Amino acid sequence: MKEGASLHQKGRIDRSGAAVKRPAASGAEALALMAVGLLLALPACSGGGGASTPPAGGGAGGAAAGATGAGARGASGGNPGGGAGAGGPVLASGGAPAGSAGGAAGGSGSGAGATGGEGGDAATCVWTLGSGSEAVGAPPTKNNSADLRGPAIGGVPFVATTARRVVPVKVGATIPGLSLGQAYLTLTQGSVQSAAMAQLTIPVANQGTDHPCFIQAQNLHYLSAAAATLNPTSDPIYLNGSVGDVGGGTFYTHTCLAPGETGYVLDSPSPANFSGTSSIELDLASLLSGQSPAGHLTPTRYELGTCGSRRSLRVTAINDGLSTVTVAMGGLALGPGILLDASGLPAGWIYLDDEETVQLAPGGQPVYFISNDLATSAAVTRVQIFLQFDPPM
C-alpha cells in the first residue's frame, strides 16, 4: 500500500457473494459448474484474477462500486499512480485505480507521480504515534494472521458496559467440526463525519479434521426477545479465515479454516439492532474443501500515525512461507482487524487494504496494509489481523 492513498471506510462489508448457488448437476459436471461459478461470480474469492470482497466503497462515488465488489474509491480520494512521473493531485471525488509506470493519468483522478497523488487531506502519512509488535499467543490462523499488542488503535475509550452486548447464537444447519462462539454486538457512537455504527463479530473455530473453504453464514437473523426477526432477508456472509488453495495452486480463497484455526463472521447491522437483539440465528455452509498453500502473508507489526488529519494504522507483513504469493492481485487486497479489549473479547473491527500488486517471494521485502479514519474506533491495544493473498502469477 502506498502511503497517502485513501482507504475504504471502515465497518462495511459487501456481501454480493449471494449470487453463487450450488449447481443442480451431479458428479464431474457439478464440480465443473461449481468451479466456473466460483471463478466468475464469487467476490469473496481471492486469486484467479477475480474480485475480492471489499467493504462497500467509502463516500460519494464509492458506494455503488463497492456493492459490486469493485472496491472503487470514495470521497476521501483516488488511488495513487505508480512509477515515475511529474505527479499530480488526485481529485477529492475519487479516482479509478491509477497511473501507469510513466506517470500517466490516474483514472478519474488527475496525473500520478512517483509517490502517487493523494486525496482528501493532500498530505503524506506520518507514523509517529507508536508501534506494536508483541505477539499475544498463537495466531488465529496459520498462514495469514497475527495477534498483536501495542499502543491504542482507535480514538474512543472502549466501555464494555455500554458499547458491547453479548448474545447467544442459535445454529441450524452446521459444518461438522466447526464451533461458533457467542455473538458480540458493538456500537460506535460516530462523529460529525460519520453516523453511529453497529458491528457484529462471531468467532468460529475448527475443532475437527476437515479443511472447509467458502465457509458462509446463511439465513442470519437478528431476533428480538419475542423471537421477531429484526433484519431483512440476509445474503450469505463469508467467513474471514485462513487462505486455502481450492484450485490446484491456481485459485485461493481467504474463507477457509484448517484444523485448529479460528476465523470470524462479521456483519454491520442497523444501529437499532444493537439494543434490540436478544439472540442470533444462522446456518453454516461450506462450498468446497481446500488445502493450505505453501506461501504465507504474516503480519509482524503495526504502526499508528496520521494521513493528513486522519488517525491511521499501517500493518507490515512478510512472506515467511515456502513459495511466492501475489499481494493485491487485480489492484486490491483486504483484511479485517478484529479489535480486542483487555479481556480478549471483541470490541469491533476495522478493515485494512493494499492496492499495490506485488509478487512476494519468501523472505522478500515487506508489504504494507493501511486503515484510515480510526478516530471513532475503540482505543484498544490488541488486534487480530487477517490478510488476503493470491497464488503466484
Protein backbone atom coordinates (compact mmCIF):
# COMPACT_ATOMS: atom_id res chain seq x y z
CA MET A 1 0.00 0.00 0.00
CA LYS A 2 1.45 3.36 -0.96
CA GLU A 3 1.21 5.87 1.83
CA GLY A 4 -1.27 8.62 1.29
CA ALA A 5 -3.75 6.52 -0.69
CA SER A 6 -7.29 6.85 0.58
CA LEU A 7 -8.83 3.84 2.25
CA HIS A 8 -12.21 2.20 2.24
CA GLN A 9 -14.44 3.45 5.03
CA LYS A 10 -14.21 1.04 7.92
CA GLY A 11 -17.06 -1.09 9.09
CA ARG A 12 -18.96 -2.01 5.95
CA ILE A 13 -18.94 -5.29 4.07
CA ASP A 14 -20.14 -6.10 0.59
CA ARG A 15 -21.90 -9.46 0.59
CA SER A 16 -22.69 -9.89 -3.08
CA GLY A 17 -21.44 -13.48 -2.99
CA ALA A 18 -25.09 -14.45 -2.64
CA ALA A 19 -25.30 -14.70 -6.42
CA VAL A 20 -23.49 -18.05 -6.35
CA LYS A 21 -25.57 -21.14 -5.72
CA ARG A 22 -24.81 -24.84 -5.75
CA PRO A 23 -25.30 -26.30 -9.24
CA ALA A 24 -28.12 -28.75 -9.70
CA ALA A 25 -25.98 -31.22 -11.67
CA SER A 26 -24.02 -34.02 -10.04
CA GLY A 27 -20.69 -35.73 -10.40
CA ALA A 28 -17.96 -34.26 -12.61
CA GLU A 29 -20.40 -31.88 -14.26
CA ALA A 30 -21.38 -30.44 -10.90
CA LEU A 31 -17.76 -29.91 -9.93
CA ALA A 32 -17.02 -28.18 -13.20
CA LEU A 33 -20.04 -25.93 -12.90
CA MET A 34 -19.16 -25.09 -9.32
CA ALA A 35 -15.60 -24.16 -10.27
CA VAL A 36 -16.77 -21.93 -13.09
CA GLY A 37 -19.37 -20.30 -10.86
CA LEU A 38 -16.81 -19.60 -8.17
CA LEU A 39 -14.30 -18.13 -10.59
CA LEU A 40 -16.78 -15.89 -12.35
CA ALA A 41 -19.20 -14.84 -9.66
CA LEU A 42 -17.82 -15.17 -6.15
CA PRO A 43 -16.44 -11.86 -4.94
CA ALA A 44 -15.40 -13.50 -1.69
CA CYS A 45 -12.69 -15.41 -3.54
CA SER A 46 -9.16 -14.28 -3.95
CA GLY A 47 -6.99 -15.44 -6.77
CA GLY A 48 -7.55 -16.26 -10.37
CA GLY A 49 -7.84 -12.56 -11.08
CA GLY A 50 -11.30 -12.45 -9.52
CA ALA A 51 -12.59 -9.58 -7.47
CA SER A 52 -12.31 -9.64 -3.71
CA THR A 53 -14.93 -8.89 -1.09
CA PRO A 54 -14.31 -5.30 -0.02
CA PRO A 55 -16.13 -3.12 2.39
CA ALA A 56 -18.57 -1.01 0.44
CA GLY A 57 -16.83 1.95 -1.16
CA GLY A 58 -16.43 4.95 1.08
CA GLY A 59 -18.16 8.22 0.39
CA ALA A 60 -19.56 9.64 -2.82
CA GLY A 61 -18.54 7.69 -5.88
CA GLY A 62 -17.56 4.59 -3.90
CA ALA A 63 -20.77 3.04 -2.58
CA ALA A 64 -22.13 1.79 -5.88
CA ALA A 65 -18.85 0.26 -7.00
CA GLY A 66 -18.27 -1.28 -3.58
CA ALA A 67 -21.59 -3.09 -3.82
CA THR A 68 -20.36 -4.95 -6.90
CA GLY A 69 -17.05 -5.92 -5.35
CA ALA A 70 -15.12 -3.43 -7.48
CA GLY A 71 -13.71 -1.62 -4.48
CA ALA A 72 -13.75 1.85 -6.01
CA ARG A 73 -12.70 4.85 -4.03
CA GLY A 74 -14.92 7.43 -2.49
CA ALA A 75 -14.89 11.00 -1.27
CA SER A 76 -11.65 10.72 0.64
CA GLY A 77 -9.63 10.50 -2.55
CA GLY A 78 -8.47 8.47 -5.52
CA ASN A 79 -5.78 5.85 -5.69
CA PRO A 80 -2.15 6.90 -6.17
CA GLY A 81 -0.43 6.46 -9.51
CA GLY A 82 2.59 4.26 -9.83
CA GLY A 83 6.05 4.66 -11.31
CA ALA A 84 8.00 7.77 -12.17
CA GLY A 85 6.42 10.91 -13.48
CA ALA A 86 5.75 14.52 -12.76
CA GLY A 87 2.97 13.72 -10.34
CA GLY A 88 -0.31 15.48 -9.91
CA PRO A 89 -3.14 15.54 -7.35
CA VAL A 90 -5.91 13.02 -7.24
CA LEU A 91 -9.36 14.56 -7.19
CA ALA A 92 -11.21 14.51 -3.89
CA SER A 93 -14.15 12.80 -5.55
CA GLY A 94 -12.04 9.70 -6.05
CA GLY A 95 -10.20 8.10 -8.92
CA ALA A 96 -10.10 4.72 -10.54
CA PRO A 97 -7.06 2.52 -9.88
CA ALA A 98 -4.37 4.72 -11.19
CA GLY A 99 -1.34 5.72 -13.09
CA SER A 100 0.99 3.76 -15.35
CA ALA A 101 4.74 3.45 -14.97
CA GLY A 102 5.29 6.61 -16.94
CA GLY A 103 3.10 8.72 -14.67
CA ALA A 104 0.02 8.59 -16.88
CA ALA A 105 -3.36 9.89 -15.78
CA GLY A 106 -4.77 8.00 -12.83
CA GLY A 107 -8.36 7.13 -13.74
CA SER A 108 -10.79 9.89 -12.91
CA GLY A 109 -8.15 11.43 -10.65
CA SER A 110 -5.51 13.65 -12.20
CA GLY A 111 -1.96 12.66 -13.08
CA ALA A 112 0.14 10.36 -10.93
CA GLY A 113 3.75 10.61 -9.87
CA ALA A 114 6.49 8.61 -8.26
CA THR A 115 4.76 8.64 -4.90
CA GLY A 116 1.26 8.98 -6.29
CA GLY A 117 -1.34 11.63 -5.73
CA GLU A 118 -3.31 11.82 -2.54
CA GLY A 119 -6.95 12.60 -2.00
CA GLY A 120 -8.67 14.15 0.94
CA ASP A 121 -6.15 15.94 3.11
CA ALA A 122 -3.46 16.03 0.40
CA ALA A 123 -0.68 15.18 2.85
CA THR A 124 1.61 12.20 3.36
CA CYS A 125 1.22 9.75 6.19
CA VAL A 126 3.40 10.12 9.26
CA TRP A 127 3.81 7.10 11.54
CA THR A 128 4.78 8.75 14.82
CA LEU A 129 2.06 7.63 17.28
CA GLY A 130 3.67 4.37 18.32
CA SER A 131 4.07 0.81 17.10
CA GLY A 132 3.26 -2.66 18.34
CA SER A 133 4.86 -6.00 17.55
CA GLU A 134 4.23 -8.05 20.69
CA ALA A 135 2.60 -11.34 19.70
CA VAL A 136 -0.19 -12.39 22.05
CA GLY A 137 -0.11 -16.17 21.87
CA ALA A 138 -0.51 -18.18 18.69
CA PRO A 139 -2.05 -16.52 15.62
CA PRO A 140 -5.70 -17.44 14.95
CA THR A 141 -4.76 -18.93 11.56
CA LYS A 142 -1.53 -20.44 10.31
CA ASN A 143 -0.78 -18.56 7.09
CA ASN A 144 -2.25 -15.04 7.10
CA SER A 145 -2.83 -13.66 10.59
CA ALA A 146 -1.29 -12.43 13.82
CA ASP A 147 -2.49 -11.43 17.29
CA LEU A 148 -0.58 -8.23 18.14
CA ARG A 149 -0.48 -5.84 21.05
CA GLY A 150 0.80 -2.25 21.18
CA PRO A 151 -0.48 1.31 21.52
CA ALA A 152 -4.21 2.10 21.43
CA ILE A 153 -5.57 1.79 17.90
CA GLY A 154 -8.72 3.90 17.87
CA GLY A 155 -9.52 7.25 19.38
CA VAL A 156 -12.50 6.42 21.62
CA PRO A 157 -12.16 4.72 25.03
CA PHE A 158 -13.99 1.39 24.94
CA VAL A 159 -16.54 0.95 27.74
CA ALA A 160 -17.81 -2.61 27.51
CA THR A 161 -20.91 -1.99 29.66
CA THR A 162 -22.32 0.49 27.15
CA ALA A 163 -20.56 -0.31 23.87
CA ARG A 164 -20.86 -4.12 23.76
CA ARG A 165 -23.64 -6.66 24.11
CA VAL A 166 -23.14 -10.43 24.12
CA VAL A 167 -25.98 -12.58 22.78
CA PRO A 168 -26.29 -16.32 22.09
CA VAL A 169 -26.11 -17.82 18.60
CA LYS A 170 -28.61 -20.47 17.54
CA VAL A 171 -27.15 -22.65 14.78
CA GLY A 172 -29.39 -24.62 12.45
CA ALA A 173 -27.53 -26.40 9.66
CA THR A 174 -23.86 -26.67 10.50
CA ILE A 175 -20.48 -27.95 9.29
CA PRO A 176 -19.01 -30.92 11.18
CA GLY A 177 -16.12 -29.85 13.38
CA LEU A 178 -16.91 -26.12 13.38
CA SER A 179 -17.88 -24.46 16.65
CA LEU A 180 -19.37 -20.97 16.99
CA GLY A 181 -18.81 -18.73 19.97
CA GLN A 182 -21.20 -16.13 21.29
CA ALA A 183 -22.13 -13.13 19.16
CA TYR A 184 -20.59 -9.78 20.10
CA LEU A 185 -22.53 -6.66 19.14
CA THR A 186 -20.57 -3.44 19.45
CA LEU A 187 -21.60 0.16 18.90
CA THR A 188 -19.56 3.13 17.74
CA GLN A 189 -21.25 6.41 18.55
CA GLY A 190 -19.98 8.16 15.43
CA SER A 191 -18.78 11.70 14.93
CA VAL A 192 -19.54 14.81 12.91
CA GLN A 193 -18.30 12.99 9.80
CA SER A 194 -19.90 9.58 10.39
CA ALA A 195 -23.08 8.17 11.85
CA ALA A 196 -23.25 5.64 14.67
CA MET A 197 -22.33 2.15 13.53
CA ALA A 198 -23.17 -1.27 14.93
CA GLN A 199 -20.90 -4.24 14.25
CA LEU A 200 -21.32 -7.98 14.73
CA THR A 201 -18.40 -10.32 15.46
CA ILE A 202 -18.85 -14.10 15.80
CA PRO A 203 -15.77 -16.30 16.30
CA VAL A 204 -15.78 -19.67 14.50
CA ALA A 205 -13.29 -22.40 15.44
CA ASN A 206 -12.41 -25.55 13.52
CA GLN A 207 -12.17 -28.31 16.10
CA GLY A 208 -12.44 -31.07 13.51
CA THR A 209 -10.16 -32.69 10.95
CA ASP A 210 -11.59 -31.33 7.69
CA HIS A 211 -10.46 -28.17 5.86
CA PRO A 212 -13.64 -26.40 4.67
CA CYS A 213 -13.48 -23.34 2.39
CA PHE A 214 -16.04 -20.79 1.25
CA ILE A 215 -17.48 -21.03 4.75
CA GLN A 216 -20.56 -18.86 4.94
CA ALA A 217 -23.26 -17.89 7.41
CA GLN A 218 -26.61 -18.24 5.71
CA ASN A 219 -30.04 -17.01 6.84
CA LEU A 220 -28.52 -14.82 9.55
CA HIS A 221 -31.31 -13.21 11.58
CA TYR A 222 -31.23 -10.77 14.46
CA LEU A 223 -34.01 -11.82 16.83
CA SER A 224 -35.84 -9.78 19.47
CA ALA A 225 -36.82 -11.07 22.90
CA ALA A 226 -40.16 -12.05 21.34
CA ALA A 227 -38.30 -14.00 18.59
CA ALA A 228 -39.29 -11.43 15.96
CA THR A 229 -36.83 -11.04 13.07
CA LEU A 230 -35.30 -7.55 13.12
CA ASN A 231 -33.42 -7.58 9.81
CA PRO A 232 -34.42 -8.17 6.18
CA THR A 233 -33.52 -11.39 4.42
CA SER A 234 -29.78 -11.79 4.76
CA ASP A 235 -27.38 -12.60 1.94
CA PRO A 236 -24.71 -15.18 2.80
CA ILE A 237 -21.81 -13.70 4.77
CA TYR A 238 -18.44 -15.27 4.05
CA LEU A 239 -16.14 -16.06 6.95
CA ASN A 240 -12.82 -14.25 7.29
CA GLY A 241 -10.34 -17.02 7.93
CA SER A 242 -7.16 -18.51 6.54
CA VAL A 243 -6.16 -18.68 2.89
CA GLY A 244 -6.85 -22.02 1.26
CA ASP A 245 -5.97 -23.47 -2.14
CA VAL A 246 -9.09 -24.80 -3.87
CA GLY A 247 -7.77 -24.87 -7.43
CA GLY A 248 -4.61 -26.96 -7.57
CA GLY A 249 -2.37 -23.96 -6.99
CA THR A 250 -4.29 -21.56 -9.24
CA PHE A 251 -7.16 -20.38 -7.05
CA TYR A 252 -7.07 -19.22 -3.41
CA THR A 253 -9.79 -18.01 -1.06
CA HIS A 254 -9.49 -16.43 2.39
CA THR A 255 -12.69 -18.08 3.63
CA CYS A 256 -11.17 -21.32 4.95
CA LEU A 257 -10.38 -22.88 8.31
CA ALA A 258 -7.76 -25.60 8.66
CA PRO A 259 -7.96 -27.81 11.76
CA GLY A 260 -7.18 -25.79 14.89
CA GLU A 261 -7.80 -22.39 13.28
CA THR A 262 -10.26 -19.64 14.23
CA GLY A 263 -11.93 -17.10 11.96
CA TYR A 264 -14.77 -14.61 12.21
CA VAL A 265 -18.18 -13.91 10.73
CA LEU A 266 -18.56 -10.12 10.53
CA ASP A 267 -21.61 -8.02 9.79
CA SER A 268 -22.73 -4.41 10.12
CA PRO A 269 -26.39 -4.35 11.19
CA SER A 270 -28.64 -1.39 11.80
CA PRO A 271 -27.61 0.52 14.96
CA ALA A 272 -31.15 -0.13 16.26
CA ASN A 273 -30.34 -3.84 16.36
CA PHE A 274 -27.59 -3.23 18.89
CA SER A 275 -30.08 -2.80 21.70
CA GLY A 276 -32.99 -4.73 20.18
CA THR A 277 -31.26 -8.07 19.56
CA SER A 278 -31.65 -10.86 22.13
CA SER A 279 -30.22 -13.69 20.02
CA ILE A 280 -28.94 -14.52 16.55
CA GLU A 281 -29.80 -17.49 14.39
CA LEU A 282 -27.94 -18.72 11.34
CA ASP A 283 -26.95 -21.72 9.25
CA LEU A 284 -23.37 -22.64 8.36
CA ALA A 285 -22.38 -23.96 4.96
CA SER A 286 -19.19 -24.66 3.02
CA LEU A 287 -18.88 -24.99 -0.75
CA LEU A 288 -15.53 -26.78 -1.11
CA SER A 289 -12.63 -28.29 0.79
CA GLY A 290 -9.17 -26.85 0.41
CA GLN A 291 -5.57 -27.23 1.45
CA SER A 292 -3.03 -24.80 2.85
CA PRO A 293 -0.77 -23.19 0.21
CA ALA A 294 2.97 -23.15 0.78
CA GLY A 295 3.14 -19.36 0.72
CA HIS A 296 2.20 -17.13 3.66
CA LEU A 297 1.44 -13.47 4.34
CA THR A 298 2.10 -12.88 8.02
CA PRO A 299 1.54 -9.55 9.83
CA THR A 300 4.53 -8.72 12.01
CA ARG A 301 3.84 -5.25 13.45
CA TYR A 302 1.54 -2.26 13.30
CA GLU A 303 2.26 1.46 13.44
CA LEU A 304 -0.06 4.33 14.28
CA GLY A 305 0.05 7.76 12.73
CA THR A 306 -1.88 10.26 10.69
CA CYS A 307 -2.63 10.55 6.99
CA GLY A 308 -3.44 14.22 6.77
CA SER A 309 -5.82 14.72 9.69
CA ARG A 310 -6.98 11.10 9.79
CA ARG A 311 -5.87 8.70 12.51
CA SER A 312 -4.44 5.74 10.62
CA LEU A 313 -2.82 2.36 11.10
CA ARG A 314 -0.19 0.63 8.96
CA VAL A 315 0.48 -3.12 9.16
CA THR A 316 3.76 -4.65 7.98
CA ALA A 317 3.50 -8.15 6.51
CA ILE A 318 6.07 -10.65 5.21
CA ASN A 319 6.06 -13.94 3.38
CA ASP A 320 7.53 -16.41 5.84
CA GLY A 321 6.27 -19.39 3.87
CA LEU A 322 7.93 -21.59 1.25
CA SER A 323 6.62 -20.22 -2.04
CA THR A 324 5.88 -16.92 -3.77
CA VAL A 325 2.48 -15.29 -3.33
CA THR A 326 0.74 -12.41 -5.07
CA VAL A 327 -0.41 -9.48 -2.97
CA ALA A 328 -3.24 -7.30 -4.29
CA MET A 329 -3.89 -9.26 -7.47
CA GLY A 330 -6.19 -7.08 -9.52
CA GLY A 331 -5.15 -3.99 -7.57
CA LEU A 332 -6.74 -4.68 -4.20
CA ALA A 333 -6.18 -6.91 -1.17
CA LEU A 334 -8.21 -6.64 2.01
CA GLY A 335 -8.19 -7.91 5.54
CA PRO A 336 -10.06 -7.26 8.77
CA GLY A 337 -8.52 -6.29 12.07
CA ILE A 338 -10.52 -7.67 14.99
CA LEU A 339 -10.19 -5.23 17.89
CA LEU A 340 -9.91 -6.93 21.29
CA ASP A 341 -10.23 -5.37 24.72
CA ALA A 342 -8.17 -6.12 27.83
CA SER A 343 -10.28 -9.26 28.43
CA GLY A 344 -9.55 -10.54 24.93
CA LEU A 345 -13.15 -10.03 23.79
CA PRO A 346 -14.18 -8.31 20.54
CA ALA A 347 -14.55 -4.52 20.66
CA GLY A 348 -15.42 -4.07 16.98
CA TRP A 349 -13.37 -4.36 13.82
CA ILE A 350 -11.68 -2.33 11.11
CA TYR A 351 -10.61 -3.07 7.54
CA LEU A 352 -7.15 -2.70 6.01
CA ASP A 353 -6.20 -2.72 2.37
CA ASP A 354 -3.28 -2.77 -0.04
CA GLU A 355 -3.56 -1.67 -3.67
CA GLU A 356 -0.05 -2.28 -4.99
CA THR A 357 0.25 -5.61 -6.83
CA VAL A 358 3.43 -7.40 -5.75
CA GLN A 359 4.95 -10.82 -6.33
CA LEU A 360 6.28 -11.56 -2.84
CA ALA A 361 8.92 -14.27 -2.59
CA PRO A 362 9.74 -15.97 0.71
CA GLY A 363 11.92 -13.61 2.73
CA GLY A 364 11.30 -10.76 0.30
CA GLN A 365 10.66 -7.11 1.08
CA PRO A 366 7.65 -6.47 3.36
CA VAL A 367 4.33 -5.14 2.13
CA TYR A 368 2.00 -2.73 3.91
CA PHE A 369 -1.72 -2.64 4.59
CA ILE A 370 -3.32 0.59 5.83
CA SER A 371 -6.56 1.57 7.56
CA ASN A 372 -7.66 5.21 7.87
CA ASP A 373 -10.37 7.08 9.77
CA LEU A 374 -9.84 5.38 13.14
CA ALA A 375 -10.85 8.35 15.28
CA THR A 376 -14.15 6.72 16.26
CA SER A 377 -12.80 3.16 16.63
CA ALA A 378 -12.19 1.61 20.02
CA ALA A 379 -8.98 2.69 21.75
CA VAL A 380 -7.89 -0.89 22.50
CA THR A 381 -4.32 -2.14 22.46
CA ARG A 382 -4.78 -5.56 20.86
CA VAL A 383 -5.80 -6.58 17.35
CA GLN A 384 -6.06 -9.84 15.42
CA ILE A 385 -5.16 -9.08 11.81
CA PHE A 386 -6.15 -11.27 8.84
CA LEU A 387 -4.66 -10.61 5.39
CA GLN A 388 -5.55 -11.81 1.91
CA PHE A 389 -3.16 -13.14 -0.71
CA ASP A 390 -3.31 -14.93 -4.03
CA PRO A 391 -1.33 -17.58 -5.93
CA PRO A 392 1.77 -16.52 -7.88
CA MET A 393 1.02 -15.10 -11.32
